[in-house]
Amino acid sequence: MTGYLPVAVFLVLILGFAGVSLLGAWAVRPTRRVNSKRDNYECGAEPVGTAWVQFPVAFYLVALLFLVFDTLAVFLFPWALTIRTLGTGGLAAMLGFVAILGLAWLYAYREGLLEWK
């Protein structure tokens, strides 16, 4: 049970920090109501048309491609820090992971997603 004591302390500190931050933001925020805050965009320009616009599929594909390479960065960095302790099995697992992501890159390249149109 004593192994969970640091976790409990951090949980209390995190929840306390979140509560104090939200309470402080609520205390110092401006309270005047402005009609421009109710607009879709706060850029000062009047919105034209409806907000329901169909986006091209390329936007979603670029977002998925970003997730693929972001996943690579998230998993590659900790692996690089612990490669000496992982041994050959860790190297083989990461090579397989990079190979699968390489296939995703190859697919994106063949579909022309890496070219800005």
PDB file of N, CA and C in Angstrom:
ATOM      1  N   MET A   1       0.817  -1.200   0.000  1.00  0.00           N
ATOM      2  CA  MET A   1       0.000   0.000   0.000  1.00  0.00           C
ATOM      3  C   MET A   1       0.857   1.258   0.000  1.00  0.00           C
ATOM      4  N   THR A   2       2.068   1.180   0.558  1.00  0.00           N
ATOM      5  CA  THR A   2       2.910   2.376   0.598  1.00  0.00           C
ATOM      6  C   THR A   2       3.434   2.734  -0.787  1.00  0.00           C
ATOM      7  N   GLY A   3       3.392   1.797  -1.736  1.00  0.00           N
ATOM      8  CA  GLY A   3       3.815   2.097  -3.102  1.00  0.00           C
ATOM      9  C   GLY A   3       2.857   3.045  -3.803  1.00  0.00           C
ATOM     10  N   TYR A   4       1.619   3.092  -3.340  1.00  0.00           N
ATOM     11  CA  TYR A   4       0.619   3.967  -3.953  1.00  0.00           C
ATOM     12  C   TYR A   4       0.580   5.349  -3.317  1.00  0.00           C
ATOM     13  N   LEU A   5       1.319   5.552  -2.247  1.00  0.00           N
ATOM     14  CA  LEU A   5       1.317   6.850  -1.570  1.00  0.00           C
ATOM     15  C   LEU A   5       1.826   7.971  -2.478  1.00  0.00           C
ATOM     16  N   PRO A   6       2.940   7.810  -3.211  1.00  0.00           N
ATOM     17  CA  PRO A   6       3.356   8.888  -4.116  1.00  0.00           C
ATOM     18  C   PRO A   6       2.329   9.172  -5.211  1.00  0.00           C
ATOM     19  N   VAL A   7       1.659   8.126  -5.689  1.00  0.00           N
ATOM     20  CA  VAL A   7       0.629   8.324  -6.709  1.00  0.00           C
ATOM     21  C   VAL A   7      -0.524   9.140  -6.134  1.00  0.00           C
ATOM     22  N   ALA A   8      -0.919   8.820  -4.915  1.00  0.00           N
ATOM     23  CA  ALA A   8      -2.009   9.560  -4.272  1.00  0.00           C
ATOM     24  C   ALA A   8      -1.616  11.014  -4.035  1.00  0.00           C
ATOM     25  N   VAL A   9      -0.366  11.237  -3.622  1.00  0.00           N
ATOM     26  CA  VAL A   9       0.097  12.610  -3.385  1.00  0.00           C
ATOM     27  C   VAL A   9       0.080  13.401  -4.688  1.00  0.00           C
ATOM     28  N   PHE A  10       0.594  12.798  -5.775  1.00  0.00           N
ATOM     29  CA  PHE A  10       0.585  13.486  -7.062  1.00  0.00           C
ATOM     30  C   PHE A  10      -0.837  13.735  -7.555  1.00  0.00           C
ATOM     31  N   LEU A  11      -1.730  12.794  -7.316  1.00  0.00           N
ATOM     32  CA  LEU A  11      -3.118  12.976  -7.734  1.00  0.00           C
ATOM     33  C   LEU A  11      -3.745  14.153  -7.001  1.00  0.00           C
ATOM     34  N   VAL A  12      -3.499  14.248  -5.709  1.00  0.00           N
ATOM     35  CA  VAL A  12      -4.028  15.383  -4.936  1.00  0.00           C
ATOM     36  C   VAL A  12      -3.413  16.693  -5.419  1.00  0.00           C
ATOM     37  N   LEU A  13      -2.107  16.686  -5.689  1.00  0.00           N
ATOM     38  CA  LEU A  13      -1.466  17.905  -6.182  1.00  0.00           C
ATOM     39  C   LEU A  13      -1.995  18.305  -7.555  1.00  0.00           C
ATOM     40  N   ILE A  14      -2.196  17.343  -8.430  1.00  0.00           N
ATOM     41  CA  ILE A  14      -2.717  17.639  -9.766  1.00  0.00           C
ATOM     42  C   ILE A  14      -4.125  18.197  -9.687  1.00  0.00           C
ATOM     43  N   LEU A  15      -4.982  17.552  -8.911  1.00  0.00           N
ATOM     44  CA  LEU A  15      -6.357  18.039  -8.783  1.00  0.00           C
ATOM     45  C   LEU A  15      -6.395  19.402  -8.101  1.00  0.00           C
ATOM     46  N   GLY A  16      -5.524  19.611  -7.119  1.00  0.00           N
ATOM     47  CA  GLY A  16      -5.455  20.916  -6.461  1.00  0.00           C
ATOM     48  C   GLY A  16      -4.988  22.005  -7.400  1.00  0.00           C
ATOM     49  N   PHE A  17      -3.960  21.698  -8.209  1.00  0.00           N
ATOM     50  CA  PHE A  17      -3.471  22.678  -9.177  1.00  0.00           C
ATOM     51  C   PHE A  17      -4.536  23.002 -10.205  1.00  0.00           C
ATOM     52  N   ALA A  18      -5.254  21.984 -10.673  1.00  0.00           N
ATOM     53  CA  ALA A  18      -6.315  22.222 -11.642  1.00  0.00           C
ATOM     54  C   ALA A  18      -7.420  23.086 -11.033  1.00  0.00           C
ATOM     55  N   GLY A  19      -7.800  22.788  -9.821  1.00  0.00           N
ATOM     56  CA  GLY A  19      -8.841  23.566  -9.162  1.00  0.00           C
ATOM     57  C   GLY A  19      -8.432  25.011  -8.930  1.00  0.00           C
ATOM     58  N   VAL A  20      -7.209  25.216  -8.442  1.00  0.00           N
ATOM     59  CA  VAL A  20      -6.719  26.574  -8.199  1.00  0.00           C
ATOM     60  C   VAL A  20      -6.595  27.338  -9.520  1.00  0.00           C
ATOM     61  N   SER A  21      -6.140  26.668 -10.581  1.00  0.00           N
ATOM     62  CA  SER A  21      -6.010  27.334 -11.881  1.00  0.00           C
ATOM     63  C   SER A  21      -7.369  27.754 -12.419  1.00  0.00           C
ATOM     64  N   LEU A  22      -8.346  26.864 -12.346  1.00  0.00           N
ATOM     65  CA  LEU A  22      -9.686  27.211 -12.831  1.00  0.00           C
ATOM     66  C   LEU A  22     -10.322  28.310 -11.985  1.00  0.00           C
ATOM     67  N   LEU A  23     -10.136  28.245 -10.677  1.00  0.00           N
ATOM     68  CA  LEU A  23     -10.695  29.270  -9.803  1.00  0.00           C
ATOM     69  C   LEU A  23     -10.026  30.623 -10.054  1.00  0.00           C
ATOM     70  N   GLY A  24      -8.703  30.621 -10.254  1.00  0.00           N
ATOM     71  CA  GLY A  24      -7.996  31.870 -10.547  1.00  0.00           C
ATOM     72  C   GLY A  24      -8.422  32.464 -11.877  1.00  0.00           C
ATOM     73  N   ALA A  25      -8.596  31.614 -12.899  1.00  0.00           N
ATOM     74  CA  ALA A  25      -9.044  32.108 -14.206  1.00  0.00           C
ATOM     75  C   ALA A  25     -10.453  32.674 -14.110  1.00  0.00           C
ATOM     76  N   TRP A  26     -11.307  32.041 -13.330  1.00  0.00           N
ATOM     77  CA  TRP A  26     -12.675  32.532 -13.154  1.00  0.00           C
ATOM     78  C   TRP A  26     -12.665  33.873 -12.426  1.00  0.00           C
ATOM     79  N   ALA A  27     -11.743  34.047 -11.474  1.00  0.00           N
ATOM     80  CA  ALA A  27     -11.716  35.278 -10.676  1.00  0.00           C
ATOM     81  C   ALA A  27     -11.206  36.475 -11.479  1.00  0.00           C
ATOM     82  N   VAL A  28     -10.305  36.280 -12.422  1.00  0.00           N
ATOM     83  CA  VAL A  28      -9.716  37.417 -13.123  1.00  0.00           C
ATOM     84  C   VAL A  28     -10.289  37.636 -14.516  1.00  0.00           C
ATOM     85  N   ARG A  29     -11.220  36.821 -14.954  1.00  0.00           N
ATOM     86  CA  ARG A  29     -11.762  36.980 -16.304  1.00  0.00           C
ATOM     87  C   ARG A  29     -12.659  38.210 -16.384  1.00  0.00           C
ATOM     88  N   PRO A  30     -12.762  38.805 -17.562  1.00  0.00           N
ATOM     89  CA  PRO A  30     -13.695  39.934 -17.712  1.00  0.00           C
ATOM     90  C   PRO A  30     -15.126  39.415 -17.715  1.00  0.00           C
ATOM     91  N   THR A  31     -16.010  40.192 -17.128  1.00  0.00           N
ATOM     92  CA  THR A  31     -17.399  39.738 -17.004  1.00  0.00           C
ATOM     93  C   THR A  31     -18.348  40.478 -17.918  1.00  0.00           C
ATOM     94  N   ARG A  32     -17.844  41.385 -18.756  1.00  0.00           N
ATOM     95  CA  ARG A  32     -18.771  42.086 -19.633  1.00  0.00           C
ATOM     96  C   ARG A  32     -19.157  41.198 -20.808  1.00  0.00           C
ATOM     97  N   ARG A  33     -20.392  41.289 -21.146  1.00  0.00           N
ATOM     98  CA  ARG A  33     -20.915  40.498 -22.251  1.00  0.00           C
ATOM     99  C   ARG A  33     -20.759  41.271 -23.550  1.00  0.00           C
ATOM    100  N   VAL A  34     -20.153  40.654 -24.549  1.00  0.00           N
ATOM    101  CA  VAL A  34     -19.937  41.280 -25.837  1.00  0.00           C
ATOM    102  C   VAL A  34     -20.591  40.390 -26.886  1.00  0.00           C
ATOM    103  N   ASN A  35     -21.359  40.994 -27.778  1.00  0.00           N
ATOM    104  CA  ASN A  35     -22.059  40.207 -28.788  1.00  0.00           C
ATOM    105  C   ASN A  35     -21.103  39.507 -29.745  1.00  0.00           C
ATOM    106  N   SER A  36     -19.920  40.082 -29.971  1.00  0.00           N
ATOM    107  CA  SER A  36     -18.980  39.443 -30.899  1.00  0.00           C
ATOM    108  C   SER A  36     -18.461  38.120 -30.352  1.00  0.00           C
ATOM    109  N   LYS A  37     -18.547  37.915 -29.059  1.00  0.00           N
ATOM    110  CA  LYS A  37     -18.131  36.644 -28.480  1.00  0.00           C
ATOM    111  C   LYS A  37     -19.088  35.517 -28.858  1.00  0.00           C
ATOM    112  N   ARG A  38     -20.282  35.851 -29.266  1.00  0.00           N
ATOM    113  CA  ARG A  38     -21.260  34.836 -29.645  1.00  0.00           C
ATOM    114  C   ARG A  38     -21.162  34.451 -31.116  1.00  0.00           C
ATOM    115  N   ASP A  39     -20.314  35.143 -31.877  1.00  0.00           N
ATOM    116  CA  ASP A  39     -20.130  34.816 -33.286  1.00  0.00           C
ATOM    117  C   ASP A  39     -19.352  33.517 -33.431  1.00  0.00           C
ATOM    118  N   ASN A  40     -19.418  32.950 -34.648  1.00  0.00           N
ATOM    119  CA  ASN A  40     -18.668  31.727 -34.911  1.00  0.00           C
ATOM    120  C   ASN A  40     -17.173  31.964 -34.838  1.00  0.00           C
ATOM    121  N   TYR A  41     -16.730  33.100 -35.334  1.00  0.00           N
ATOM    122  CA  TYR A  41     -15.315  33.427 -35.367  1.00  0.00           C
ATOM    123  C   TYR A  41     -15.129  34.784 -34.722  1.00  0.00           C
ATOM    124  N   GLU A  42     -14.090  34.941 -33.936  1.00  0.00           N
ATOM    125  CA  GLU A  42     -13.828  36.195 -33.248  1.00  0.00           C
ATOM    126  C   GLU A  42     -12.793  37.035 -33.981  1.00  0.00           C
ATOM    127  N   CYS A  43     -12.726  36.923 -35.295  1.00  0.00           N
ATOM    128  CA  CYS A  43     -11.699  37.644 -36.043  1.00  0.00           C
ATOM    129  C   CYS A  43     -12.142  39.058 -36.408  1.00  0.00           C
ATOM    130  N   GLY A  44     -13.383  39.409 -36.181  1.00  0.00           N
ATOM    131  CA  GLY A  44     -13.860  40.740 -36.505  1.00  0.00           C
ATOM    132  C   GLY A  44     -14.597  40.808 -37.822  1.00  0.00           C
ATOM    133  N   ALA A  45     -14.442  39.807 -38.665  1.00  0.00           N
ATOM    134  CA  ALA A  45     -15.133  39.785 -39.958  1.00  0.00           C
ATOM    135  C   ALA A  45     -16.481  39.088 -39.791  1.00  0.00           C
ATOM    136  N   GLU A  46     -17.451  39.605 -40.504  1.00  0.00           N
ATOM    137  CA  GLU A  46     -18.780  38.991 -40.449  1.00  0.00           C
ATOM    138  C   GLU A  46     -18.763  37.649 -41.177  1.00  0.00           C
ATOM    139  N   PRO A  47     -19.342  36.614 -40.589  1.00  0.00           N
ATOM    140  CA  PRO A  47     -19.371  35.328 -41.287  1.00  0.00           C
ATOM    141  C   PRO A  47     -20.264  35.399 -42.519  1.00  0.00           C
ATOM    142  N   VAL A  48     -19.814  34.753 -43.593  1.00  0.00           N
ATOM    143  CA  VAL A  48     -20.561  34.724 -44.845  1.00  0.00           C
ATOM    144  C   VAL A  48     -20.986  33.281 -45.086  1.00  0.00           C
ATOM    145  N   GLY A  49     -22.257  33.071 -45.280  1.00  0.00           N
ATOM    146  CA  GLY A  49     -22.748  31.719 -45.542  1.00  0.00           C
ATOM    147  C   GLY A  49     -22.904  30.913 -44.265  1.00  0.00           C
ATOM    148  N   THR A  50     -23.128  29.626 -44.455  1.00  0.00           N
ATOM    149  CA  THR A  50     -23.327  28.750 -43.299  1.00  0.00           C
ATOM    150  C   THR A  50     -21.997  28.125 -42.892  1.00  0.00           C
ATOM    151  N   ALA A  51     -21.987  27.550 -41.722  1.00  0.00           N
ATOM    152  CA  ALA A  51     -20.785  26.888 -41.228  1.00  0.00           C
ATOM    153  C   ALA A  51     -20.690  25.455 -41.740  1.00  0.00           C
ATOM    154  N   TRP A  52     -21.718  24.960 -42.390  1.00  0.00           N
ATOM    155  CA  TRP A  52     -21.727  23.583 -42.893  1.00  0.00           C
ATOM    156  C   TRP A  52     -21.164  23.552 -44.302  1.00  0.00           C
ATOM    157  N   VAL A  53     -19.859  23.345 -44.375  1.00  0.00           N
ATOM    158  CA  VAL A  53     -19.159  23.315 -45.651  1.00  0.00           C
ATOM    159  C   VAL A  53     -18.493  21.948 -45.771  1.00  0.00           C
ATOM    160  N   GLN A  54     -18.560  21.363 -46.955  1.00  0.00           N
ATOM    161  CA  GLN A  54     -17.895  20.087 -47.162  1.00  0.00           C
ATOM    162  C   GLN A  54     -16.420  20.331 -47.475  1.00  0.00           C
ATOM    163  N   PHE A  55     -15.559  19.707 -46.700  1.00  0.00           N
ATOM    164  CA  PHE A  55     -14.128  19.810 -46.927  1.00  0.00           C
ATOM    165  C   PHE A  55     -13.691  18.693 -47.867  1.00  0.00           C
ATOM    166  N   PRO A  56     -12.694  18.956 -48.671  1.00  0.00           N
ATOM    167  CA  PRO A  56     -12.165  17.893 -49.525  1.00  0.00           C
ATOM    168  C   PRO A  56     -11.557  16.768 -48.674  1.00  0.00           C
ATOM    169  N   VAL A  57     -11.563  15.580 -49.203  1.00  0.00           N
ATOM    170  CA  VAL A  57     -11.045  14.414 -48.489  1.00  0.00           C
ATOM    171  C   VAL A  57      -9.560  14.576 -48.199  1.00  0.00           C
ATOM    172  N   ALA A  58      -8.859  15.365 -48.989  1.00  0.00           N
ATOM    173  CA  ALA A  58      -7.417  15.537 -48.802  1.00  0.00           C
ATOM    174  C   ALA A  58      -7.088  16.090 -47.418  1.00  0.00           C
ATOM    175  N   PHE A  59      -7.950  16.922 -46.840  1.00  0.00           N
ATOM    176  CA  PHE A  59      -7.700  17.442 -45.502  1.00  0.00           C
ATOM    177  C   PHE A  59      -7.663  16.314 -44.484  1.00  0.00           C
ATOM    178  N   TYR A  60      -8.592  15.378 -44.600  1.00  0.00           N
ATOM    179  CA  TYR A  60      -8.630  14.256 -43.670  1.00  0.00           C
ATOM    180  C   TYR A  60      -7.443  13.330 -43.883  1.00  0.00           C
ATOM    181  N   LEU A  61      -7.044  13.133 -45.127  1.00  0.00           N
ATOM    182  CA  LEU A  61      -5.901  12.273 -45.407  1.00  0.00           C
ATOM    183  C   LEU A  61      -4.608  12.876 -44.882  1.00  0.00           C
ATOM    184  N   VAL A  62      -4.473  14.184 -44.997  1.00  0.00           N
ATOM    185  CA  VAL A  62      -3.294  14.846 -44.444  1.00  0.00           C
ATOM    186  C   VAL A  62      -3.289  14.722 -42.925  1.00  0.00           C
ATOM    187  N   ALA A  63      -4.445  14.829 -42.306  1.00  0.00           N
ATOM    188  CA  ALA A  63      -4.533  14.669 -40.853  1.00  0.00           C
ATOM    189  C   ALA A  63      -4.150  13.249 -40.446  1.00  0.00           C
ATOM    190  N   LEU A  64      -4.608  12.257 -41.187  1.00  0.00           N
ATOM    191  CA  LEU A  64      -4.243  10.873 -40.886  1.00  0.00           C
ATOM    192  C   LEU A  64      -2.752  10.637 -41.101  1.00  0.00           C
ATOM    193  N   LEU A  65      -2.209  11.243 -42.141  1.00  0.00           N
ATOM    194  CA  LEU A  65      -0.782  11.116 -42.393  1.00  0.00           C
ATOM    195  C   LEU A  65       0.019  11.759 -41.263  1.00  0.00           C
ATOM    196  N   PHE A  66      -0.455  12.892 -40.764  1.00  0.00           N
ATOM    197  CA  PHE A  66       0.198  13.522 -39.616  1.00  0.00           C
ATOM    198  C   PHE A  66       0.174  12.591 -38.416  1.00  0.00           C
ATOM    199  N   LEU A  67      -0.942  11.928 -38.175  1.00  0.00           N
ATOM    200  CA  LEU A  67      -1.025  11.005 -37.045  1.00  0.00           C
ATOM    201  C   LEU A  67      -0.056   9.838 -37.205  1.00  0.00           C
ATOM    202  N   VAL A  68       0.112   9.358 -38.421  1.00  0.00           N
ATOM    203  CA  VAL A  68       1.044   8.247 -38.654  1.00  0.00           C
ATOM    204  C   VAL A  68       2.458   8.674 -38.268  1.00  0.00           C
ATOM    205  N   PHE A  69       2.912   9.821 -38.753  1.00  0.00           N
ATOM    206  CA  PHE A  69       4.284  10.233 -38.478  1.00  0.00           C
ATOM    207  C   PHE A  69       4.446  10.772 -37.060  1.00  0.00           C
ATOM    208  N   ASP A  70       3.392  11.290 -36.476  1.00  0.00           N
ATOM    209  CA  ASP A  70       3.455  11.701 -35.077  1.00  0.00           C
ATOM    210  C   ASP A  70       3.583  10.478 -34.186  1.00  0.00           C
ATOM    211  N   THR A  71       2.888   9.419 -34.527  1.00  0.00           N
ATOM    212  CA  THR A  71       3.010   8.164 -33.786  1.00  0.00           C
ATOM    213  C   THR A  71       4.438   7.641 -33.867  1.00  0.00           C
ATOM    214  N   LEU A  72       5.041   7.757 -35.027  1.00  0.00           N
ATOM    215  CA  LEU A  72       6.432   7.330 -35.185  1.00  0.00           C
ATOM    216  C   LEU A  72       7.334   8.117 -34.242  1.00  0.00           C
ATOM    217  N   ALA A  73       7.159   9.417 -34.182  1.00  0.00           N
ATOM    218  CA  ALA A  73       8.002  10.245 -33.319  1.00  0.00           C
ATOM    219  C   ALA A  73       7.775   9.927 -31.845  1.00  0.00           C
ATOM    220  N   VAL A  74       6.526   9.687 -31.464  1.00  0.00           N
ATOM    221  CA  VAL A  74       6.206   9.417 -30.062  1.00  0.00           C
ATOM    222  C   VAL A  74       6.822   8.105 -29.597  1.00  0.00           C
ATOM    223  N   PHE A  75       6.820   7.088 -30.438  1.00  0.00           N
ATOM    224  CA  PHE A  75       7.358   5.797 -30.037  1.00  0.00           C
ATOM    225  C   PHE A  75       8.848   5.660 -30.299  1.00  0.00           C
ATOM    226  N   LEU A  76       9.389   6.395 -31.250  1.00  0.00           N
ATOM    227  CA  LEU A  76      10.798   6.255 -31.595  1.00  0.00           C
ATOM    228  C   LEU A  76      11.705   6.902 -30.559  1.00  0.00           C
ATOM    229  N   PHE A  77      11.303   8.003 -29.985  1.00  0.00           N
ATOM    230  CA  PHE A  77      12.159   8.702 -29.023  1.00  0.00           C
ATOM    231  C   PHE A  77      12.398   7.888 -27.748  1.00  0.00           C
ATOM    232  N   PRO A  78      11.359   7.384 -27.073  1.00  0.00           N
ATOM    233  CA  PRO A  78      11.634   6.582 -25.870  1.00  0.00           C
ATOM    234  C   PRO A  78      12.397   5.295 -26.201  1.00  0.00           C
ATOM    235  N   TRP A  79      12.130   4.726 -27.363  1.00  0.00           N
ATOM    236  CA  TRP A  79      12.845   3.523 -27.766  1.00  0.00           C
ATOM    237  C   TRP A  79      14.331   3.824 -27.926  1.00  0.00           C
ATOM    238  N   ALA A  80      14.659   4.976 -28.514  1.00  0.00           N
ATOM    239  CA  ALA A  80      16.066   5.335 -28.713  1.00  0.00           C
ATOM    240  C   ALA A  80      16.783   5.539 -27.384  1.00  0.00           C
ATOM    241  N   LEU A  81      16.063   5.982 -26.375  1.00  0.00           N
ATOM    242  CA  LEU A  81      16.676   6.189 -25.068  1.00  0.00           C
ATOM    243  C   LEU A  81      16.960   4.874 -24.339  1.00  0.00           C
ATOM    244  N   THR A  82      16.178   3.835 -24.636  1.00  0.00           N
ATOM    245  CA  THR A  82      16.318   2.567 -23.915  1.00  0.00           C
ATOM    246  C   THR A  82      16.789   1.432 -24.803  1.00  0.00           C
ATOM    247  N   ILE A  83      17.414   1.720 -25.919  1.00  0.00           N
ATOM    248  CA  ILE A  83      17.779   0.674 -26.873  1.00  0.00           C
ATOM    249  C   ILE A  83      18.810  -0.294 -26.294  1.00  0.00           C
ATOM    250  N   ARG A  84      19.716   0.187 -25.452  1.00  0.00           N
ATOM    251  CA  ARG A  84      20.743  -0.705 -24.893  1.00  0.00           C
ATOM    252  C   ARG A  84      20.145  -1.764 -23.981  1.00  0.00           C
ATOM    253  N   THR A  85      19.079  -1.431 -23.280  1.00  0.00           N
ATOM    254  CA  THR A  85      18.486  -2.407 -22.362  1.00  0.00           C
ATOM    255  C   THR A  85      17.488  -3.324 -23.059  1.00  0.00           C
ATOM    256  N   LEU A  86      16.986  -2.951 -24.220  1.00  0.00           N
ATOM    257  CA  LEU A  86      15.984  -3.754 -24.909  1.00  0.00           C
ATOM    258  C   LEU A  86      16.578  -4.945 -25.642  1.00  0.00           C
ATOM    259  N   GLY A  87      17.773  -4.785 -26.144  1.00  0.00           N
ATOM    260  CA  GLY A  87      18.429  -5.888 -26.828  1.00  0.00           C
ATOM    261  C   GLY A  87      17.921  -6.091 -28.243  1.00  0.00           C
ATOM    262  N   THR A  88      18.161  -7.296 -28.762  1.00  0.00           N
ATOM    263  CA  THR A  88      17.818  -7.608 -30.148  1.00  0.00           C
ATOM    264  C   THR A  88      16.309  -7.655 -30.363  1.00  0.00           C
ATOM    265  N   GLY A  89      15.566  -8.115 -29.381  1.00  0.00           N
ATOM    266  CA  GLY A  89      14.106  -8.157 -29.509  1.00  0.00           C
ATOM    267  C   GLY A  89      13.504  -6.777 -29.664  1.00  0.00           C
ATOM    268  N   GLY A  90      14.020  -5.819 -28.907  1.00  0.00           N
ATOM    269  CA  GLY A  90      13.549  -4.441 -29.027  1.00  0.00           C
ATOM    270  C   GLY A  90      13.892  -3.843 -30.375  1.00  0.00           C
ATOM    271  N   LEU A  91      15.080  -4.175 -30.879  1.00  0.00           N
ATOM    272  CA  LEU A  91      15.485  -3.689 -32.196  1.00  0.00           C
ATOM    273  C   LEU A  91      14.587  -4.275 -33.288  1.00  0.00           C
ATOM    274  N   ALA A  92      14.298  -5.572 -33.188  1.00  0.00           N
ATOM    275  CA  ALA A  92      13.445  -6.221 -34.191  1.00  0.00           C
ATOM    276  C   ALA A  92      12.025  -5.657 -34.147  1.00  0.00           C
ATOM    277  N   ALA A  93      11.509  -5.422 -32.949  1.00  0.00           N
ATOM    278  CA  ALA A  93      10.153  -4.867 -32.829  1.00  0.00           C
ATOM    279  C   ALA A  93      10.082  -3.469 -33.441  1.00  0.00           C
ATOM    280  N   MET A  94      11.093  -2.643 -33.184  1.00  0.00           N
ATOM    281  CA  MET A  94      11.067  -1.293 -33.733  1.00  0.00           C
ATOM    282  C   MET A  94      11.276  -1.311 -35.238  1.00  0.00           C
ATOM    283  N   LEU A  95      12.103  -2.219 -35.736  1.00  0.00           N
ATOM    284  CA  LEU A  95      12.266  -2.317 -37.187  1.00  0.00           C
ATOM    285  C   LEU A  95      10.953  -2.715 -37.854  1.00  0.00           C
ATOM    286  N   GLY A  96      10.205  -3.615 -37.235  1.00  0.00           N
ATOM    287  CA  GLY A  96       8.882  -3.972 -37.765  1.00  0.00           C
ATOM    288  C   GLY A  96       7.923  -2.797 -37.735  1.00  0.00           C
ATOM    289  N   PHE A  97       7.953  -2.047 -36.648  1.00  0.00           N
ATOM    290  CA  PHE A  97       7.089  -0.872 -36.517  1.00  0.00           C
ATOM    291  C   PHE A  97       7.427   0.169 -37.578  1.00  0.00           C
ATOM    292  N   VAL A  98       8.719   0.426 -37.762  1.00  0.00           N
ATOM    293  CA  VAL A  98       9.149   1.409 -38.761  1.00  0.00           C
ATOM    294  C   VAL A  98       8.826   0.897 -40.163  1.00  0.00           C
ATOM    295  N   ALA A  99       8.911  -0.418 -40.376  1.00  0.00           N
ATOM    296  CA  ALA A  99       8.567  -0.968 -41.695  1.00  0.00           C
ATOM    297  C   ALA A  99       7.090  -0.756 -42.004  1.00  0.00           C
ATOM    298  N   ILE A 100       6.223  -0.961 -41.028  1.00  0.00           N
ATOM    299  CA  ILE A 100       4.787  -0.739 -41.235  1.00  0.00           C
ATOM    300  C   ILE A 100       4.516   0.736 -41.531  1.00  0.00           C
ATOM    301  N   LEU A 101       5.163   1.623 -40.787  1.00  0.00           N
ATOM    302  CA  LEU A 101       4.986   3.049 -41.056  1.00  0.00           C
ATOM    303  C   LEU A 101       5.619   3.445 -42.386  1.00  0.00           C
ATOM    304  N   GLY A 102       6.667   2.731 -42.786  1.00  0.00           N
ATOM    305  CA  GLY A 102       7.249   2.960 -44.106  1.00  0.00           C
ATOM    306  C   GLY A 102       6.267   2.607 -45.209  1.00  0.00           C
ATOM    307  N   LEU A 103       5.473   1.557 -44.987  1.00  0.00           N
ATOM    308  CA  LEU A 103       4.422   1.216 -45.946  1.00  0.00           C
ATOM    309  C   LEU A 103       3.369   2.323 -46.020  1.00  0.00           C
ATOM    310  N   ALA A 104       3.049   2.918 -44.868  1.00  0.00           N
ATOM    311  CA  ALA A 104       2.103   4.050 -44.863  1.00  0.00           C
ATOM    312  C   ALA A 104       2.682   5.230 -45.631  1.00  0.00           C
ATOM    313  N   TRP A 105       3.980   5.484 -45.460  1.00  0.00           N
ATOM    314  CA  TRP A 105       4.623   6.561 -46.206  1.00  0.00           C
ATOM    315  C   TRP A 105       4.616   6.260 -47.703  1.00  0.00           C
ATOM    316  N   LEU A 106       4.904   5.021 -48.070  1.00  0.00           N
ATOM    317  CA  LEU A 106       4.905   4.637 -49.475  1.00  0.00           C
ATOM    318  C   LEU A 106       3.512   4.801 -50.093  1.00  0.00           C
ATOM    319  N   TYR A 107       2.485   4.404 -49.352  1.00  0.00           N
ATOM    320  CA  TYR A 107       1.111   4.572 -49.834  1.00  0.00           C
ATOM    321  C   TYR A 107       0.789   6.059 -50.028  1.00  0.00           C
ATOM    322  N   ALA A 108       1.177   6.886 -49.048  1.00  0.00           N
ATOM    323  CA  ALA A 108       0.914   8.328 -49.155  1.00  0.00           C
ATOM    324  C   ALA A 108       1.671   8.929 -50.333  1.00  0.00           C
ATOM    325  N   TYR A 109       2.871   8.463 -50.572  1.00  0.00           N
ATOM    326  CA  TYR A 109       3.654   8.964 -51.693  1.00  0.00           C
ATOM    327  C   TYR A 109       3.020   8.564 -53.026  1.00  0.00           C
ATOM    328  N   ARG A 110       2.575   7.323 -53.123  1.00  0.00           N
ATOM    329  CA  ARG A 110       1.960   6.850 -54.370  1.00  0.00           C
ATOM    330  C   ARG A 110       0.629   7.535 -54.647  1.00  0.00           C
ATOM    331  N   GLU A 111      -0.096   7.903 -53.597  1.00  0.00           N
ATOM    332  CA  GLU A 111      -1.384   8.577 -53.769  1.00  0.00           C
ATOM    333  C   GLU A 111      -1.219  10.075 -53.993  1.00  0.00           C
ATOM    334  N   GLY A 112      -0.002  10.595 -53.859  1.00  0.00           N
ATOM    335  CA  GLY A 112       0.247  12.018 -54.094  1.00  0.00           C
ATOM    336  C   GLY A 112      -0.086  12.901 -52.918  1.00  0.00           C
ATOM    337  N   LEU A 113      -0.170  12.323 -51.704  1.00  0.00           N
ATOM    338  CA  LEU A 113      -0.518  13.127 -50.527  1.00  0.00           C
ATOM    339  C   LEU A 113       0.625  14.010 -50.062  1.00  0.00           C
ATOM    340  N   LEU A 114       1.842  13.691 -50.451  1.00  0.00           N
ATOM    341  CA  LEU A 114       2.972  14.479 -50.009  1.00  0.00           C
ATOM    342  C   LEU A 114       3.221  15.680 -50.913  1.00  0.00           C
ATOM    343  N   GLU A 115       2.466  15.812 -51.973  1.00  0.00           N
ATOM    344  CA  GLU A 115       2.580  16.954 -52.870  1.00  0.00           C
ATOM    345  C   GLU A 115       1.466  17.943 -52.571  1.00  0.00           C
ATOM    346  N   TRP A 116       1.839  19.169 -52.306  1.00  0.00           N
ATOM    347  CA  TRP A 116       0.825  20.188 -52.033  1.00  0.00           C
ATOM    348  C   TRP A 116       0.237  20.680 -53.335  1.00  0.00           C
ATOM    349  N   LYS A 117      -1.068  20.589 -53.462  1.00  0.00           N
ATOM    350  CA  LYS A 117      -1.721  20.935 -54.726  1.00  0.00           C
ATOM    351  C   LYS A 117      -2.328  22.313 -54.664  1.00  0.00           C
TER     352      LYS A 117
END
